C-alpha atoms as a PDB file:
ATOM      1  CA  UNK A   1     -11.161  23.124  42.856  1.00  0.00           C
ATOM      2  CA  UNK A   2     -12.490  19.782  41.669  1.00  0.00           C
ATOM      3  CA  UNK A   3     -11.196  16.559  43.095  1.00  0.00           C
ATOM      4  CA  UNK A   4      -9.745  14.017  40.651  1.00  0.00           C
ATOM      5  CA  UNK A   5     -12.927  11.940  40.545  1.00  0.00           C
ATOM      6  CA  UNK A   6     -14.826  14.990  39.207  1.00  0.00           C
ATOM      7  CA  UNK A   7     -12.347  16.080  36.504  1.00  0.00           C
ATOM      8  CA  UNK A   8     -13.811  16.387  33.029  1.00  0.00           C
ATOM      9  CA  UNK A   9     -12.185  15.539  29.725  1.00  0.00           C
ATOM     10  CA  UNK A  10     -12.831  17.494  26.558  1.00  0.00           C
ATOM     11  CA  UNK A  11     -15.414  15.774  24.372  1.00  0.00           C
ATOM     12  CA  UNK A  12     -13.445  16.725  21.235  1.00  0.00           C
ATOM     13  CA  UNK A  13      -9.755  16.178  22.028  1.00  0.00           C
ATOM     14  CA  UNK A  14      -9.713  14.388  25.379  1.00  0.00           C
ATOM     15  CA  UNK A  15      -7.554  16.989  27.157  1.00  0.00           C
ATOM     16  CA  UNK A  16      -8.443  17.758  30.738  1.00  0.00           C
ATOM     17  CA  UNK A  17     -10.913  20.627  31.140  1.00  0.00           C
ATOM     18  CA  UNK A  18      -9.679  23.207  33.641  1.00  0.00           C
ATOM     19  CA  UNK A  19     -13.259  24.238  34.330  1.00  0.00           C
ATOM     20  CA  UNK A  20     -16.738  23.108  33.378  1.00  0.00           C
ATOM     21  CA  UNK A  21     -17.761  26.461  31.894  1.00  0.00           C
ATOM     22  CA  UNK A  22     -17.344  25.616  28.186  1.00  0.00           C
ATOM     23  CA  UNK A  23     -20.265  23.324  27.436  1.00  0.00           C
ATOM     24  CA  UNK A  24     -22.722  22.413  24.725  1.00  0.00           C
ATOM     25  CA  UNK A  25     -25.619  20.436  26.128  1.00  0.00           C
ATOM     26  CA  UNK A  26     -23.993  17.748  28.285  1.00  0.00           C
ATOM     27  CA  UNK A  27     -20.579  17.893  26.551  1.00  0.00           C
ATOM     28  CA  UNK A  28     -17.595  19.696  28.094  1.00  0.00           C
ATOM     29  CA  UNK A  29     -14.750  21.289  26.132  1.00  0.00           C
ATOM     30  CA  UNK A  30     -11.269  22.390  27.199  1.00  0.00           C
ATOM     31  CA  UNK A  31     -11.310  25.526  25.011  1.00  0.00           C
ATOM     32  CA  UNK A  32     -13.444  27.569  22.618  1.00  0.00           C
ATOM     33  CA  UNK A  33     -11.602  26.037  19.635  1.00  0.00           C
ATOM     34  CA  UNK A  34     -12.657  22.479  20.462  1.00  0.00           C
ATOM     35  CA  UNK A  35     -16.211  23.689  21.159  1.00  0.00           C
ATOM     36  CA  UNK A  36     -16.261  25.479  17.788  1.00  0.00           C
ATOM     37  CA  UNK A  37     -15.074  22.398  15.881  1.00  0.00           C
ATOM     38  CA  UNK A  38     -17.772  20.325  17.608  1.00  0.00           C
ATOM     39  CA  UNK A  39     -20.411  22.929  16.711  1.00  0.00           C
ATOM     40  CA  UNK A  40     -19.296  22.922  13.065  1.00  0.00           C
ATOM     41  CA  UNK A  41     -19.551  19.141  12.935  1.00  0.00           C
ATOM     42  CA  UNK A  42     -22.865  19.147  14.780  1.00  0.00           C
ATOM     43  CA  UNK A  43     -24.431  21.845  12.560  1.00  0.00           C
ATOM     44  CA  UNK A  44     -23.451  19.876   9.475  1.00  0.00           C
ATOM     45  CA  UNK A  45     -24.689  16.550  10.868  1.00  0.00           C
ATOM     46  CA  UNK A  46     -21.138  15.155  10.907  1.00  0.00           C
ATOM     47  CA  UNK A  47     -20.969  14.027  14.530  1.00  0.00           C
ATOM     48  CA  UNK A  48     -20.621  10.431  13.322  1.00  0.00           C
ATOM     49  CA  UNK A  49     -16.961  11.483  13.322  1.00  0.00           C
ATOM     50  CA  UNK A  50     -16.942  10.918  17.094  1.00  0.00           C
ATOM     51  CA  UNK A  51     -18.119   7.331  16.619  1.00  0.00           C
ATOM     52  CA  UNK A  52     -14.983   6.474  14.638  1.00  0.00           C
ATOM     53  CA  UNK A  53     -12.646   7.004  17.594  1.00  0.00           C
ATOM     54  CA  UNK A  54     -13.059   8.098  21.186  1.00  0.00           C
ATOM     55  CA  UNK A  55     -12.068  11.797  21.470  1.00  0.00           C
ATOM     56  CA  UNK A  56     -10.341  11.907  18.047  1.00  0.00           C
ATOM     57  CA  UNK A  57      -9.842  15.661  17.807  1.00  0.00           C
ATOM     58  CA  UNK A  58      -6.773  17.831  18.258  1.00  0.00           C
ATOM     59  CA  UNK A  59      -6.760  20.529  20.920  1.00  0.00           C
ATOM     60  CA  UNK A  60      -7.396  23.990  19.498  1.00  0.00           C
ATOM     61  CA  UNK A  61      -5.992  25.951  22.475  1.00  0.00           C
ATOM     62  CA  UNK A  62      -2.798  27.067  20.765  1.00  0.00           C
ATOM     63  CA  UNK A  63      -4.229  28.086  17.379  1.00  0.00           C
ATOM     64  CA  UNK A  64      -3.715  31.720  16.283  1.00  0.00           C
ATOM     65  CA  UNK A  65      -5.991  33.583  13.888  1.00  0.00           C
ATOM     66  CA  UNK A  66      -3.147  35.254  11.934  1.00  0.00           C
ATOM     67  CA  UNK A  67      -1.123  32.073  11.524  1.00  0.00           C
ATOM     68  CA  UNK A  68      -1.980  31.647   7.835  1.00  0.00           C
ATOM     69  CA  UNK A  69      -2.006  35.276   6.660  1.00  0.00           C
ATOM     70  CA  UNK A  70       0.844  34.557   4.240  1.00  0.00           C
ATOM     71  CA  UNK A  71      -1.668  32.547   2.190  1.00  0.00           C
ATOM     72  CA  UNK A  72      -3.280  35.816   1.113  1.00  0.00           C
ATOM     73  CA  UNK A  73      -0.206  36.763  -0.948  1.00  0.00           C
ATOM     74  CA  UNK A  74      -0.651  36.085  -4.663  1.00  0.00           C
ATOM     75  CA  UNK A  75       2.951  34.900  -5.148  1.00  0.00           C
ATOM     76  CA  UNK A  76       2.484  32.267  -2.415  1.00  0.00           C
ATOM     77  CA  UNK A  77      -0.860  31.176  -3.843  1.00  0.00           C
ATOM     78  CA  UNK A  78       0.697  30.744  -7.305  1.00  0.00           C
ATOM     79  CA  UNK A  79       3.323  28.391  -5.893  1.00  0.00           C
ATOM     80  CA  UNK A  80       0.760  26.216  -4.109  1.00  0.00           C
ATOM     81  CA  UNK A  81      -2.014  25.912  -6.690  1.00  0.00           C
ATOM     82  CA  UNK A  82      -1.794  22.948  -9.071  1.00  0.00           C
ATOM     83  CA  UNK A  83      -4.565  24.176 -11.386  1.00  0.00           C
ATOM     84  CA  UNK A  84      -6.527  27.371 -11.685  1.00  0.00           C
ATOM     85  CA  UNK A  85      -9.254  28.747 -13.915  1.00  0.00           C
ATOM     86  CA  UNK A  86     -11.890  31.467 -13.527  1.00  0.00           C
ATOM     87  CA  UNK A  87     -13.806  29.559 -10.895  1.00  0.00           C
ATOM     88  CA  UNK A  88     -11.758  26.795  -9.349  1.00  0.00           C
ATOM     89  CA  UNK A  89      -8.416  26.061  -7.763  1.00  0.00           C
ATOM     90  CA  UNK A  90      -6.944  22.603  -7.339  1.00  0.00           C
ATOM     91  CA  UNK A  91      -4.396  22.149  -4.604  1.00  0.00           C
ATOM     92  CA  UNK A  92      -2.594  19.263  -2.943  1.00  0.00           C
ATOM     93  CA  UNK A  93      -1.421  19.252   0.648  1.00  0.00           C
ATOM     94  CA  UNK A  94       0.759  16.882   2.595  1.00  0.00           C
ATOM     95  CA  UNK A  95      -0.943  16.251   5.944  1.00  0.00           C
ATOM     96  CA  UNK A  96       1.334  14.195   8.198  1.00  0.00           C
ATOM     97  CA  UNK A  97      -1.314  14.368  10.951  1.00  0.00           C
ATOM     98  CA  UNK A  98      -3.595  11.948   9.060  1.00  0.00           C
ATOM     99  CA  UNK A  99      -3.519   8.858  11.234  1.00  0.00           C
ATOM    100  CA  UNK A 100      -6.899   7.194  11.444  1.00  0.00           C
ATOM    101  CA  UNK A 101     -10.256   6.553   9.836  1.00  0.00           C
ATOM    102  CA  UNK A 102     -11.726   9.601  11.602  1.00  0.00           C
ATOM    103  CA  UNK A 103      -9.210  11.842   9.807  1.00  0.00           C
ATOM    104  CA  UNK A 104      -9.977  10.213   6.487  1.00  0.00           C
ATOM    105  CA  UNK A 105     -13.720  10.467   7.009  1.00  0.00           C
ATOM    106  CA  UNK A 106     -13.596  14.160   7.953  1.00  0.00           C
ATOM    107  CA  UNK A 107     -11.296  15.107   5.075  1.00  0.00           C
ATOM    108  CA  UNK A 108     -13.420  13.260   2.524  1.00  0.00           C
ATOM    109  CA  UNK A 109     -16.467  15.190   3.784  1.00  0.00           C
ATOM    110  CA  UNK A 110     -15.026  18.719   3.596  1.00  0.00           C
ATOM    111  CA  UNK A 111     -17.742  19.691   1.110  1.00  0.00           C
ATOM    112  CA  UNK A 112     -20.293  19.277   3.906  1.00  0.00           C
ATOM    113  CA  UNK A 113     -18.375  21.699   6.103  1.00  0.00           C
ATOM    114  CA  UNK A 114     -17.971  24.268   3.334  1.00  0.00           C
ATOM    115  CA  UNK A 115     -19.970  24.070   0.092  1.00  0.00           C
ATOM    116  CA  UNK A 116     -17.192  25.922  -1.771  1.00  0.00           C
ATOM    117  CA  UNK A 117     -15.175  22.695  -1.494  1.00  0.00           C
ATOM    118  CA  UNK A 118     -16.182  20.833  -4.624  1.00  0.00           C
ATOM    119  CA  UNK A 119     -14.118  17.694  -4.082  1.00  0.00           C
ATOM    120  CA  UNK A 120     -11.574  16.301  -1.650  1.00  0.00           C
ATOM    121  CA  UNK A 121      -9.675  13.081  -2.151  1.00  0.00           C
ATOM    122  CA  UNK A 122      -7.314  11.618   0.404  1.00  0.00           C
ATOM    123  CA  UNK A 123      -4.372   9.343  -0.313  1.00  0.00           C
ATOM    124  CA  UNK A 124      -4.043   7.842   3.147  1.00  0.00           C
ATOM    125  CA  UNK A 125      -0.752   6.041   2.490  1.00  0.00           C
ATOM    126  CA  UNK A 126       0.953   9.175   1.173  1.00  0.00           C
ATOM    127  CA  UNK A 127      -0.862  11.368   3.737  1.00  0.00           C
ATOM    128  CA  UNK A 128      -1.938  13.728   0.972  1.00  0.00           C
ATOM    129  CA  UNK A 129      -5.187  15.419   0.112  1.00  0.00           C
ATOM    130  CA  UNK A 130      -6.247  16.825  -3.255  1.00  0.00           C
ATOM    131  CA  UNK A 131      -8.872  19.536  -2.980  1.00  0.00           C
ATOM    132  CA  UNK A 132     -10.848  21.285  -5.693  1.00  0.00           C
ATOM    133  CA  UNK A 133     -12.618  24.419  -4.513  1.00  0.00           C
ATOM    134  CA  UNK A 134     -14.361  27.539  -5.759  1.00  0.00           C
ATOM    135  CA  UNK A 135     -11.815  30.271  -5.083  1.00  0.00           C
ATOM    136  CA  UNK A 136     -14.449  32.983  -5.526  1.00  0.00           C
ATOM    137  CA  UNK A 137     -16.269  31.677  -2.464  1.00  0.00           C
ATOM    138  CA  UNK A 138     -13.347  30.377  -0.404  1.00  0.00           C
ATOM    139  CA  UNK A 139      -9.863  31.800  -0.069  1.00  0.00           C
ATOM    140  CA  UNK A 140      -6.884  29.451   0.158  1.00  0.00           C
ATOM    141  CA  UNK A 141      -6.213  30.818   3.644  1.00  0.00           C
ATOM    142  CA  UNK A 142      -9.760  29.930   4.731  1.00  0.00           C
ATOM    143  CA  UNK A 143      -9.386  26.418   3.324  1.00  0.00           C
ATOM    144  CA  UNK A 144      -6.160  25.900   5.254  1.00  0.00           C
ATOM    145  CA  UNK A 145      -7.790  27.268   8.413  1.00  0.00           C
ATOM    146  CA  UNK A 146     -10.610  24.761   7.960  1.00  0.00           C
ATOM    147  CA  UNK A 147      -8.111  21.922   7.568  1.00  0.00           C
ATOM    148  CA  UNK A 148      -6.173  23.126  10.587  1.00  0.00           C
ATOM    149  CA  UNK A 149      -9.325  23.290  12.709  1.00  0.00           C
ATOM    150  CA  UNK A 150      -9.971  19.627  12.056  1.00  0.00           C
END
């Protein structure tokens, strides 16, 4: 057991790490989810995100993989999509979690995380995001999972 002077905080979300086994280089993470988000940002050269705020992420410990399965149902998709053609969907989401410049920066750069995202525009005051994406390359469920991971 570590003493309190040796406790580590997660590089992504700031939560206390229960062990020092989840690491990338010299950075410690509290769970695989936070490590994965960091790796996504790092692979896409988006780690400037961490310069906007100290430990700006949200803990990924409680996220479930089947949480958004309902977004695979056509009748649900129809209700959520604002525009659709052969190639693209346009959708708007209310994201009450948007609270800082790091959120805004990440959301405006979704296309770097997934090239199927063609455009993302955030209305910070309304806490809304408009996203245009290629639905042949990216399912609505996958888009929502990406947003949730951030």
